[in-house]
Structure formats: C-alpha cells, structure tokens
PDB file of N, CA and C in Angstrom:
ATOM      1  N   MET A   1      43.661  22.631 135.426  1.00  0.00           N
ATOM      2  CA  MET A   1      43.514  22.762 136.858  1.00  0.00           C
ATOM      3  C   MET A   1      44.097  24.107 137.285  1.00  0.00           C
ATOM      4  N   PHE A   2      43.410  24.792 138.165  1.00  0.00           N
ATOM      5  CA  PHE A   2      43.864  26.065 138.726  1.00  0.00           C
ATOM      6  C   PHE A   2      44.967  25.801 139.739  1.00  0.00           C
ATOM      7  N   THR A   3      46.078  26.501 139.602  1.00  0.00           N
ATOM      8  CA  THR A   3      47.177  26.384 140.556  1.00  0.00           C
ATOM      9  C   THR A   3      47.205  27.641 141.406  1.00  0.00           C
ATOM     10  N   PHE A   4      46.963  27.487 142.689  1.00  0.00           N
ATOM     11  CA  PHE A   4      46.923  28.623 143.607  1.00  0.00           C
ATOM     12  C   PHE A   4      48.328  29.065 143.986  1.00  0.00           C
ATOM     13  N   THR A   5      48.593  30.339 143.833  1.00  0.00           N
ATOM     14  CA  THR A   5      49.825  30.951 144.333  1.00  0.00           C
ATOM     15  C   THR A   5      49.415  32.245 145.025  1.00  0.00           C
ATOM     16  N   PRO A   6      49.810  32.448 146.282  1.00  0.00           N
ATOM     17  CA  PRO A   6      49.339  33.616 147.024  1.00  0.00           C
ATOM     18  C   PRO A   6      49.816  34.952 146.448  1.00  0.00           C
ATOM     19  N   THR A   7      51.008  34.990 145.890  1.00  0.00           N
ATOM     20  CA  THR A   7      51.541  36.216 145.292  1.00  0.00           C
ATOM     21  C   THR A   7      52.094  35.872 143.920  1.00  0.00           C
ATOM     22  N   ARG A   8      51.787  36.726 142.941  1.00  0.00           N
ATOM     23  CA  ARG A   8      52.284  36.484 141.587  1.00  0.00           C
ATOM     24  C   ARG A   8      52.888  37.763 141.028  1.00  0.00           C
ATOM     25  N   LEU A   9      53.866  37.599 140.156  1.00  0.00           N
ATOM     26  CA  LEU A   9      54.450  38.717 139.421  1.00  0.00           C
ATOM     27  C   LEU A   9      53.966  38.632 137.981  1.00  0.00           C
ATOM     28  N   VAL A  10      53.333  39.699 137.507  1.00  0.00           N
ATOM     29  CA  VAL A  10      52.871  39.785 136.126  1.00  0.00           C
ATOM     30  C   VAL A  10      53.764  40.802 135.420  1.00  0.00           C
ATOM     31  N   LYS A  11      54.459  40.346 134.382  1.00  0.00           N
ATOM     32  CA  LYS A  11      55.414  41.209 133.668  1.00  0.00           C
ATOM     33  C   LYS A  11      54.770  41.854 132.442  1.00  0.00           C
ATOM     34  N   HIS A  12      55.168  43.075 132.170  1.00  0.00           N
ATOM     35  CA  HIS A  12      54.790  43.811 130.960  1.00  0.00           C
ATOM     36  C   HIS A  12      53.274  43.948 130.792  1.00  0.00           C
ATOM     37  N   TRP A  13      52.578  44.236 131.886  1.00  0.00           N
ATOM     38  CA  TRP A  13      51.129  44.447 131.797  1.00  0.00           C
ATOM     39  C   TRP A  13      50.893  45.844 131.227  1.00  0.00           C
ATOM     40  N   PRO A  14      50.093  45.972 130.171  1.00  0.00           N
ATOM     41  CA  PRO A  14      49.862  47.294 129.587  1.00  0.00           C
ATOM     42  C   PRO A  14      49.002  48.170 130.496  1.00  0.00           C
ATOM     43  N   ALA A  15      49.345  49.441 130.526  1.00  0.00           N
ATOM     44  CA  ALA A  15      48.578  50.431 131.281  1.00  0.00           C
ATOM     45  C   ALA A  15      48.466  51.681 130.414  1.00  0.00           C
ATOM     46  N   ILE A  16      47.397  52.422 130.597  1.00  0.00           N
ATOM     47  CA  ILE A  16      47.152  53.625 129.811  1.00  0.00           C
ATOM     48  C   ILE A  16      47.203  54.847 130.724  1.00  0.00           C
ATOM     49  N   ILE A  17      48.114  55.768 130.403  1.00  0.00           N
ATOM     50  CA  ILE A  17      48.150  57.059 131.087  1.00  0.00           C
ATOM     51  C   ILE A  17      47.293  58.011 130.262  1.00  0.00           C
ATOM     52  N   LYS A  18      46.336  58.653 130.909  1.00  0.00           N
ATOM     53  CA  LYS A  18      45.447  59.600 130.229  1.00  0.00           C
ATOM     54  C   LYS A  18      45.841  61.016 130.639  1.00  0.00           C
ATOM     55  N   MET A  19      46.289  61.782 129.649  1.00  0.00           N
ATOM     56  CA  MET A  19      46.761  63.146 129.881  1.00  0.00           C
ATOM     57  C   MET A  19      45.747  64.152 129.342  1.00  0.00           C
ATOM     58  N   SER A  20      45.313  65.065 130.200  1.00  0.00           N
ATOM     59  CA  SER A  20      44.409  66.130 129.774  1.00  0.00           C
ATOM     60  C   SER A  20      45.159  67.116 128.894  1.00  0.00           C
ATOM     61  N   MET A  21      44.516  67.497 127.809  1.00  0.00           N
ATOM     62  CA  MET A  21      45.104  68.440 126.859  1.00  0.00           C
ATOM     63  C   MET A  21      44.158  69.639 126.728  1.00  0.00           C
ATOM     64  N   ASP A  22      44.554  70.610 125.945  1.00  0.00           N
ATOM     65  CA  ASP A  22      43.714  71.784 125.714  1.00  0.00           C
ATOM     66  C   ASP A  22      42.407  71.394 125.034  1.00  0.00           C
ATOM     67  N   ASN A  23      41.411  72.237 125.212  1.00  0.00           N
ATOM     68  CA  ASN A  23      40.103  72.096 124.561  1.00  0.00           C
ATOM     69  C   ASN A  23      39.383  70.805 124.927  1.00  0.00           C
ATOM     70  N   GLY A  24      39.641  70.286 126.125  1.00  0.00           N
ATOM     71  CA  GLY A  24      38.928  69.112 126.608  1.00  0.00           C
ATOM     72  C   GLY A  24      39.365  67.797 125.995  1.00  0.00           C
ATOM     73  N   LYS A  25      40.481  67.797 125.315  1.00  0.00           N
ATOM     74  CA  LYS A  25      40.961  66.560 124.699  1.00  0.00           C
ATOM     75  C   LYS A  25      41.805  65.774 125.695  1.00  0.00           C
ATOM     76  N   VAL A  26      41.871  64.474 125.471  1.00  0.00           N
ATOM     77  CA  VAL A  26      42.656  63.578 126.317  1.00  0.00           C
ATOM     78  C   VAL A  26      43.574  62.760 125.420  1.00  0.00           C
ATOM     79  N   GLU A  27      44.853  62.748 125.783  1.00  0.00           N
ATOM     80  CA  GLU A  27      45.819  61.924 125.062  1.00  0.00           C
ATOM     81  C   GLU A  27      46.057  60.662 125.878  1.00  0.00           C
ATOM     82  N   GLU A  28      46.007  59.511 125.230  1.00  0.00           N
ATOM     83  CA  GLU A  28      46.236  58.235 125.902  1.00  0.00           C
ATOM     84  C   GLU A  28      47.593  57.680 125.480  1.00  0.00           C
ATOM     85  N   ILE A  29      48.436  57.401 126.471  1.00  0.00           N
ATOM     86  CA  ILE A  29      49.778  56.884 126.224  1.00  0.00           C
ATOM     87  C   ILE A  29      49.897  55.522 126.896  1.00  0.00           C
ATOM     88  N   GLU A  30      50.269  54.497 126.120  1.00  0.00           N
ATOM     89  CA  GLU A  30      50.418  53.160 126.699  1.00  0.00           C
ATOM     90  C   GLU A  30      51.823  52.984 127.260  1.00  0.00           C
ATOM     91  N   ILE A  31      51.878  52.476 128.484  1.00  0.00           N
ATOM     92  CA  ILE A  31      53.141  52.112 129.126  1.00  0.00           C
ATOM     93  C   ILE A  31      53.038  50.646 129.523  1.00  0.00           C
ATOM     94  N   SER A  32      54.117  50.113 130.057  1.00  0.00           N
ATOM     95  CA  SER A  32      54.155  48.715 130.487  1.00  0.00           C
ATOM     96  C   SER A  32      54.569  48.664 131.953  1.00  0.00           C
ATOM     97  N   LEU A  33      53.848  47.872 132.736  1.00  0.00           N
ATOM     98  CA  LEU A  33      54.133  47.750 134.164  1.00  0.00           C
ATOM     99  C   LEU A  33      54.382  46.296 134.540  1.00  0.00           C
ATOM    100  N   ASP A  34      55.310  46.087 135.460  1.00  0.00           N
ATOM    101  CA  ASP A  34      55.483  44.790 136.108  1.00  0.00           C
ATOM    102  C   ASP A  34      54.790  44.911 137.461  1.00  0.00           C
ATOM    103  N   LEU A  35      53.851  44.014 137.726  1.00  0.00           N
ATOM    104  CA  LEU A  35      52.995  44.135 138.905  1.00  0.00           C
ATOM    105  C   LEU A  35      53.100  42.924 139.824  1.00  0.00           C
ATOM    106  N   ASN A  36      53.202  43.195 141.116  1.00  0.00           N
ATOM    107  CA  ASN A  36      53.096  42.158 142.142  1.00  0.00           C
ATOM    108  C   ASN A  36      51.630  42.059 142.534  1.00  0.00           C
ATOM    109  N   LEU A  37      51.009  40.931 142.255  1.00  0.00           N
ATOM    110  CA  LEU A  37      49.607  40.726 142.626  1.00  0.00           C
ATOM    111  C   LEU A  37      49.577  40.130 144.025  1.00  0.00           C
ATOM    112  N   LEU A  38      49.077  40.900 144.962  1.00  0.00           N
ATOM    113  CA  LEU A  38      49.152  40.559 146.380  1.00  0.00           C
ATOM    114  C   LEU A  38      47.871  39.925 146.897  1.00  0.00           C
ATOM    115  N   PRO A  39      47.968  39.129 147.961  1.00  0.00           N
ATOM    116  CA  PRO A  39      46.764  38.689 148.656  1.00  0.00           C
ATOM    117  C   PRO A  39      46.031  39.920 149.208  1.00  0.00           C
ATOM    118  N   VAL A  40      44.725  39.832 149.325  1.00  0.00           N
ATOM    119  CA  VAL A  40      43.912  40.974 149.753  1.00  0.00           C
ATOM    120  C   VAL A  40      44.386  41.548 151.082  1.00  0.00           C
ATOM    121  N   ASP A  41      44.686  40.709 152.059  1.00  0.00           N
ATOM    122  CA  ASP A  41      45.131  41.217 153.363  1.00  0.00           C
ATOM    123  C   ASP A  41      46.427  42.011 153.242  1.00  0.00           C
ATOM    124  N   ASP A  42      47.356  41.555 152.411  1.00  0.00           N
ATOM    125  CA  ASP A  42      48.610  42.289 152.204  1.00  0.00           C
ATOM    126  C   ASP A  42      48.345  43.626 151.520  1.00  0.00           C
ATOM    127  N   TYR A  43      47.482  43.609 150.513  1.00  0.00           N
ATOM    128  CA  TYR A  43      47.123  44.840 149.806  1.00  0.00           C
ATOM    129  C   TYR A  43      46.548  45.857 150.788  1.00  0.00           C
ATOM    130  N   MET A  44      45.608  45.420 151.606  1.00  0.00           N
ATOM    131  CA  MET A  44      44.963  46.324 152.567  1.00  0.00           C
ATOM    132  C   MET A  44      45.952  46.820 153.616  1.00  0.00           C
ATOM    133  N   ALA A  45      46.873  45.972 154.041  1.00  0.00           N
ATOM    134  CA  ALA A  45      47.880  46.383 155.023  1.00  0.00           C
ATOM    135  C   ALA A  45      48.775  47.471 154.438  1.00  0.00           C
ATOM    136  N   HIS A  46      49.210  47.300 153.196  1.00  0.00           N
ATOM    137  CA  HIS A  46      50.038  48.328 152.553  1.00  0.00           C
ATOM    138  C   HIS A  46      49.237  49.609 152.341  1.00  0.00           C
ATOM    139  N   LEU A  47      47.975  49.475 151.966  1.00  0.00           N
ATOM    140  CA  LEU A  47      47.123  50.645 151.767  1.00  0.00           C
ATOM    141  C   LEU A  47      46.984  51.445 153.056  1.00  0.00           C
ATOM    142  N   SER A  48      46.849  50.751 154.180  1.00  0.00           N
ATOM    143  CA  SER A  48      46.690  51.444 155.467  1.00  0.00           C
ATOM    144  C   SER A  48      47.966  52.177 155.878  1.00  0.00           C
ATOM    145  N   GLU A  49      49.103  51.803 155.269  1.00  0.00           N
ATOM    146  CA  GLU A  49      50.381  52.468 155.560  1.00  0.00           C
ATOM    147  C   GLU A  49      50.605  53.685 154.669  1.00  0.00           C
ATOM    148  N   GLY A  50      49.718  53.916 153.716  1.00  0.00           N
ATOM    149  CA  GLY A  50      49.830  55.078 152.834  1.00  0.00           C
ATOM    150  C   GLY A  50      50.004  54.680 151.381  1.00  0.00           C
ATOM    151  N   ASN A  51      49.657  55.622 150.511  1.00  0.00           N
ATOM    152  CA  ASN A  51      49.697  55.346 149.074  1.00  0.00           C
ATOM    153  C   ASN A  51      51.072  54.920 148.580  1.00  0.00           C
ATOM    154  N   HIS A  52      52.122  55.620 149.018  1.00  0.00           N
ATOM    155  CA  HIS A  52      53.462  55.291 148.513  1.00  0.00           C
ATOM    156  C   HIS A  52      53.864  53.870 148.888  1.00  0.00           C
ATOM    157  N   ARG A  53      53.508  53.435 150.084  1.00  0.00           N
ATOM    158  CA  ARG A  53      53.828  52.058 150.497  1.00  0.00           C
ATOM    159  C   ARG A  53      53.090  51.057 149.614  1.00  0.00           C
ATOM    160  N   LEU A  54      51.827  51.343 149.347  1.00  0.00           N
ATOM    161  CA  LEU A  54      51.048  50.462 148.478  1.00  0.00           C
ATOM    162  C   LEU A  54      51.643  50.442 147.072  1.00  0.00           C
ATOM    163  N   PHE A  55      51.914  51.617 146.509  1.00  0.00           N
ATOM    164  CA  PHE A  55      52.452  51.680 145.151  1.00  0.00           C
ATOM    165  C   PHE A  55      53.771  50.919 145.051  1.00  0.00           C
ATOM    166  N   ASN A  56      54.647  51.077 146.040  1.00  0.00           N
ATOM    167  CA  ASN A  56      55.925  50.355 146.028  1.00  0.00           C
ATOM    168  C   ASN A  56      55.723  48.849 146.141  1.00  0.00           C
ATOM    169  N   ALA A  57      54.692  48.429 146.861  1.00  0.00           N
ATOM    170  CA  ALA A  57      54.430  46.997 147.028  1.00  0.00           C
ATOM    171  C   ALA A  57      53.913  46.362 145.738  1.00  0.00           C
ATOM    172  N   ILE A  58      53.080  47.088 144.988  1.00  0.00           N
ATOM    173  CA  ILE A  58      52.479  46.485 143.797  1.00  0.00           C
ATOM    174  C   ILE A  58      53.295  46.727 142.525  1.00  0.00           C
ATOM    175  N   LEU A  59      54.098  47.792 142.490  1.00  0.00           N
ATOM    176  CA  LEU A  59      54.865  48.104 141.284  1.00  0.00           C
ATOM    177  C   LEU A  59      56.251  47.471 141.357  1.00  0.00           C
ATOM    178  N   ALA A  60      56.498  46.515 140.468  1.00  0.00           N
ATOM    179  CA  ALA A  60      57.803  45.850 140.427  1.00  0.00           C
ATOM    180  C   ALA A  60      58.723  46.475 139.383  1.00  0.00           C
ATOM    181  N   GLY A  61      58.174  47.249 138.469  1.00  0.00           N
ATOM    182  CA  GLY A  61      58.975  47.900 137.443  1.00  0.00           C
ATOM    183  C   GLY A  61      58.079  48.543 136.400  1.00  0.00           C
ATOM    184  N   PHE A  62      58.691  49.350 135.528  1.00  0.00           N
ATOM    185  CA  PHE A  62      57.920  50.013 134.478  1.00  0.00           C
ATOM    186  C   PHE A  62      58.788  50.223 133.249  1.00  0.00           C
ATOM    187  N   ASP A  63      58.112  50.454 132.123  1.00  0.00           N
ATOM    188  CA  ASP A  63      58.784  50.713 130.857  1.00  0.00           C
ATOM    189  C   ASP A  63      57.869  51.608 130.032  1.00  0.00           C
ATOM    190  N   GLY A  64      58.474  52.413 129.166  1.00  0.00           N
ATOM    191  CA  GLY A  64      57.674  53.259 128.287  1.00  0.00           C
ATOM    192  C   GLY A  64      57.467  54.659 128.818  1.00  0.00           C
ATOM    193  N   ILE A  65      58.238  55.047 129.829  1.00  0.00           N
ATOM    194  CA  ILE A  65      58.132  56.388 130.404  1.00  0.00           C
ATOM    195  C   ILE A  65      59.464  57.097 130.178  1.00  0.00           C
ATOM    196  N   ALA A  66      59.390  58.312 129.648  1.00  0.00           N
ATOM    197  CA  ALA A  66      60.594  59.107 129.410  1.00  0.00           C
ATOM    198  C   ALA A  66      60.604  60.306 130.346  1.00  0.00           C
ATOM    199  N   GLY A  67      61.796  60.772 130.648  1.00  0.00           N
ATOM    200  CA  GLY A  67      61.953  61.985 131.430  1.00  0.00           C
ATOM    201  C   GLY A  67      61.857  63.210 130.530  1.00  0.00           C
ATOM    202  N   SER A  68      62.013  64.392 131.111  1.00  0.00           N
ATOM    203  CA  SER A  68      61.930  65.626 130.327  1.00  0.00           C
ATOM    204  C   SER A  68      63.026  65.699 129.266  1.00  0.00           C
ATOM    205  N   ASP A  69      64.089  64.922 129.443  1.00  0.00           N
ATOM    206  CA  ASP A  69      65.174  64.864 128.454  1.00  0.00           C
ATOM    207  C   ASP A  69      64.880  63.870 127.328  1.00  0.00           C
ATOM    208  N   LYS A  70      63.680  63.274 127.356  1.00  0.00           N
ATOM    209  CA  LYS A  70      63.223  62.301 126.342  1.00  0.00           C
ATOM    210  C   LYS A  70      63.944  60.956 126.411  1.00  0.00           C
ATOM    211  N   LYS A  71      64.749  60.749 127.445  1.00  0.00           N
ATOM    212  CA  LYS A  71      65.430  59.469 127.642  1.00  0.00           C
ATOM    213  C   LYS A  71      64.582  58.600 128.566  1.00  0.00           C
ATOM    214  N   PRO A  72      64.662  57.264 128.413  1.00  0.00           N
ATOM    215  CA  PRO A  72      63.881  56.385 129.290  1.00  0.00           C
ATOM    216  C   PRO A  72      64.136  56.701 130.765  1.00  0.00           C
ATOM    217  N   LEU A  73      63.057  56.771 131.519  1.00  0.00           N
ATOM    218  CA  LEU A  73      63.133  57.071 132.944  1.00  0.00           C
ATOM    219  C   LEU A  73      63.556  55.812 133.692  1.00  0.00           C
ATOM    220  N   ALA A  74      64.626  55.919 134.456  1.00  0.00           N
ATOM    221  CA  ALA A  74      65.116  54.783 135.244  1.00  0.00           C
ATOM    222  C   ALA A  74      64.182  54.534 136.424  1.00  0.00           C
ATOM    223  N   ASP A  75      64.078  53.286 136.821  1.00  0.00           N
ATOM    224  CA  ASP A  75      63.245  52.914 137.973  1.00  0.00           C
ATOM    225  C   ASP A  75      64.067  53.132 139.244  1.00  0.00           C
ATOM    226  N   THR A  76      64.010  54.359 139.766  1.00  0.00           N
ATOM    227  CA  THR A  76      64.726  54.710 140.990  1.00  0.00           C
ATOM    228  C   THR A  76      63.738  55.195 142.039  1.00  0.00           C
ATOM    229  N   LYS A  77      64.181  55.243 143.275  1.00  0.00           N
ATOM    230  CA  LYS A  77      63.333  55.723 144.369  1.00  0.00           C
ATOM    231  C   LYS A  77      62.874  57.162 144.098  1.00  0.00           C
ATOM    232  N   LYS A  78      63.794  57.997 143.624  1.00  0.00           N
ATOM    233  CA  LYS A  78      63.475  59.401 143.335  1.00  0.00           C
ATOM    234  C   LYS A  78      62.447  59.510 142.205  1.00  0.00           C
ATOM    235  N   ASN A  79      62.640  58.746 141.131  1.00  0.00           N
ATOM    236  CA  ASN A  79      61.701  58.798 140.010  1.00  0.00           C
ATOM    237  C   ASN A  79      60.342  58.235 140.388  1.00  0.00           C
ATOM    238  N   ARG A  80      60.329  57.186 141.193  1.00  0.00           N
ATOM    239  CA  ARG A  80      59.044  56.655 141.665  1.00  0.00           C
ATOM    240  C   ARG A  80      58.308  57.709 142.488  1.00  0.00           C
ATOM    241  N   ALA A  81      59.024  58.389 143.374  1.00  0.00           N
ATOM    242  CA  ALA A  81      58.389  59.423 144.206  1.00  0.00           C
ATOM    243  C   ALA A  81      57.767  60.504 143.325  1.00  0.00           C
ATOM    244  N   ALA A  82      58.452  60.885 142.254  1.00  0.00           N
ATOM    245  CA  ALA A  82      57.912  61.888 141.336  1.00  0.00           C
ATOM    246  C   ALA A  82      56.687  61.348 140.600  1.00  0.00           C
ATOM    247  N   LEU A  83      56.759  60.105 140.122  1.00  0.00           N
ATOM    248  CA  LEU A  83      55.612  59.508 139.428  1.00  0.00           C
ATOM    249  C   LEU A  83      54.405  59.388 140.350  1.00  0.00           C
ATOM    250  N   TYR A  84      54.636  59.079 141.616  1.00  0.00           N
ATOM    251  CA  TYR A  84      53.537  58.912 142.566  1.00  0.00           C
ATOM    252  C   TYR A  84      52.816  60.228 142.852  1.00  0.00           C
ATOM    253  N   GLN A  85      53.421  61.354 142.487  1.00  0.00           N
ATOM    254  CA  GLN A  85      52.781  62.660 142.642  1.00  0.00           C
ATOM    255  C   GLN A  85      51.999  63.065 141.393  1.00  0.00           C
ATOM    256  N   HIS A  86      52.037  62.236 140.381  1.00  0.00           N
ATOM    257  CA  HIS A  86      51.403  62.521 139.091  1.00  0.00           C
ATOM    258  C   HIS A  86      50.144  61.659 138.973  1.00  0.00           C
ATOM    259  N   ALA A  87      48.989  62.280 139.166  1.00  0.00           N
ATOM    260  CA  ALA A  87      47.721  61.537 139.205  1.00  0.00           C
ATOM    261  C   ALA A  87      47.489  60.647 137.981  1.00  0.00           C
ATOM    262  N   PRO A  88      47.796  61.083 136.755  1.00  0.00           N
ATOM    263  CA  PRO A  88      47.582  60.175 135.623  1.00  0.00           C
ATOM    264  C   PRO A  88      48.375  58.867 135.745  1.00  0.00           C
ATOM    265  N   PHE A  89      49.580  58.928 136.327  1.00  0.00           N
ATOM    266  CA  PHE A  89      50.358  57.700 136.517  1.00  0.00           C
ATOM    267  C   PHE A  89      49.722  56.815 137.580  1.00  0.00           C
ATOM    268  N   THR A  90      49.367  57.381 138.726  1.00  0.00           N
ATOM    269  CA  THR A  90      48.812  56.550 139.798  1.00  0.00           C
ATOM    270  C   THR A  90      47.456  55.975 139.400  1.00  0.00           C
ATOM    271  N   ASP A  91      46.670  56.740 138.644  1.00  0.00           N
ATOM    272  CA  ASP A  91      45.401  56.197 138.145  1.00  0.00           C
ATOM    273  C   ASP A  91      45.660  55.008 137.217  1.00  0.00           C
ATOM    274  N   ALA A  92      46.644  55.142 136.323  1.00  0.00           N
ATOM    275  CA  ALA A  92      46.983  54.048 135.402  1.00  0.00           C
ATOM    276  C   ALA A  92      47.490  52.832 136.167  1.00  0.00           C
ATOM    277  N   LEU A  93      48.322  53.068 137.179  1.00  0.00           N
ATOM    278  CA  LEU A  93      48.865  51.973 137.993  1.00  0.00           C
ATOM    279  C   LEU A  93      47.744  51.205 138.688  1.00  0.00           C
ATOM    280  N   LEU A  94      46.846  51.918 139.348  1.00  0.00           N
ATOM    281  CA  LEU A  94      45.781  51.244 140.095  1.00  0.00           C
ATOM    282  C   LEU A  94      44.792  50.543 139.167  1.00  0.00           C
ATOM    283  N   HIS A  95      44.472  51.168 138.045  1.00  0.00           N
ATOM    284  CA  HIS A  95      43.562  50.521 137.098  1.00  0.00           C
ATOM    285  C   HIS A  95      44.195  49.244 136.538  1.00  0.00           C
ATOM    286  N   ALA A  96      45.473  49.326 136.170  1.00  0.00           N
ATOM    287  CA  ALA A  96      46.171  48.146 135.636  1.00  0.00           C
ATOM    288  C   ALA A  96      46.248  47.043 136.685  1.00  0.00           C
ATOM    289  N   TYR A  97      46.530  47.420 137.928  1.00  0.00           N
ATOM    290  CA  TYR A  97      46.620  46.429 139.002  1.00  0.00           C
ATOM    291  C   TYR A  97      45.279  45.704 139.172  1.00  0.00           C
ATOM    292  N   ARG A  98      44.198  46.468 139.245  1.00  0.00           N
ATOM    293  CA  ARG A  98      42.876  45.849 139.426  1.00  0.00           C
ATOM    294  C   ARG A  98      42.536  44.934 138.250  1.00  0.00           C
ATOM    295  N   ALA A  99      42.850  45.381 137.037  1.00  0.00           N
ATOM    296  CA  ALA A  99      42.564  44.564 135.850  1.00  0.00           C
ATOM    297  C   ALA A  99      43.383  43.277 135.866  1.00  0.00           C
ATOM    298  N   ALA A 100      44.667  43.386 136.179  1.00  0.00           N
ATOM    299  CA  ALA A 100      45.529  42.200 136.214  1.00  0.00           C
ATOM    300  C   ALA A 100      45.106  41.253 137.324  1.00  0.00           C
ATOM    301  N   ASN A 101      44.760  41.800 138.469  1.00  0.00           N
ATOM    302  CA  ASN A 101      44.413  40.970 139.623  1.00  0.00           C
ATOM    303  C   ASN A 101      43.079  40.254 139.433  1.00  0.00           C
ATOM    304  N   SER A 102      42.188  40.848 138.644  1.00  0.00           N
ATOM    305  CA  SER A 102      40.880  40.228 138.429  1.00  0.00           C
ATOM    306  C   SER A 102      40.841  39.384 137.159  1.00  0.00           C
ATOM    307  N   GLY A 103      41.942  39.392 136.397  1.00  0.00           N
ATOM    308  CA  GLY A 103      41.985  38.603 135.172  1.00  0.00           C
ATOM    309  C   GLY A 103      41.306  39.274 133.996  1.00  0.00           C
ATOM    310  N   GLU A 104      41.031  40.576 134.110  1.00  0.00           N
ATOM    311  CA  GLU A 104      40.423  41.319 133.011  1.00  0.00           C
ATOM    312  C   GLU A 104      41.425  41.409 131.865  1.00  0.00           C
ATOM    313  N   ALA A 105      40.976  41.162 130.661  1.00  0.00           N
ATOM    314  CA  ALA A 105      41.882  41.224 129.507  1.00  0.00           C
ATOM    315  C   ALA A 105      42.436  42.628 129.354  1.00  0.00           C
ATOM    316  N   ALA A 106      43.748  42.726 129.181  1.00  0.00           N
ATOM    317  CA  ALA A 106      44.386  44.029 129.038  1.00  0.00           C
ATOM    318  C   ALA A 106      44.162  44.608 127.649  1.00  0.00           C
ATOM    319  N   ARG A 107      44.084  43.760 126.660  1.00  0.00           N
ATOM    320  CA  ARG A 107      43.856  44.196 125.284  1.00  0.00           C
ATOM    321  C   ARG A 107      42.769  43.322 124.687  1.00  0.00           C
ATOM    322  N   LYS A 108      41.977  43.928 123.841  1.00  0.00           N
ATOM    323  CA  LYS A 108      40.966  43.137 123.146  1.00  0.00           C
ATOM    324  C   LYS A 108      41.645  42.293 122.075  1.00  0.00           C
ATOM    325  N   ASN A 109      41.169  41.073 121.924  1.00  0.00           N
ATOM    326  CA  ASN A 109      41.702  40.201 120.870  1.00  0.00           C
ATOM    327  C   ASN A 109      41.322  40.779 119.518  1.00  0.00           C
ATOM    328  N   SER A 110      42.268  40.761 118.594  1.00  0.00           N
ATOM    329  CA  SER A 110      41.956  41.311 117.271  1.00  0.00           C
ATOM    330  C   SER A 110      41.774  40.221 116.256  1.00  0.00           C
TER     331      SER A 110
END
C-alpha cells in the first residue's frame, strides 16, 4: 500500500557533477545529496523567491565535495552560497532532485 507523506527526506541520493575539461572532454564526479522532497506548491513558492531559496529548501546536506585544500567541504551558509554560483553543482542538484522526486532510479541495477 502506498503511504502518502507530503514532505520526505531522501538521504545519500547520488548526483553527478559534470565538469568541462580541455578538448571537449567532460569529467563526471559522483557526490551524495540529502534532499527534501517538497509538495509542488511549496517547490513553486520557493522557486518564485529565487534560486538560492529553492536550493536551500531542497538541499538538506551533501557529501563527496572537497574544497581547494582537498579537505571535505563543510555544509555552511558560506559554502552553500559558493556552490550555488557553480553551474555544474546546481545542475547536479536539480537533476538529482527531479529524479528522486519522480522515483527515477539513481543507479542502474547491476
């Protein structure tokens, strides 16, 4: 039986950051995101308030991201603001959110 819950937290959802490299190559780096899956009206309300508000509403945490010092990046307001300015991260966040919210498999079964 399907159990309806208006908001859900999905932990450790895989996301792929795609980084452009020289000569037209793309490097794919897998990270892990904790996502708040929102009701559509809440999602749209946050979206109308701006990208950063939406990103903060759907992103509950992250793992697998290092800073320039190669140490794990802490989940802070300052670090989130920097990540939100990096298109490969925001693309990965939104793609992962849509996949998780629609029930799309994050990884193919092997």
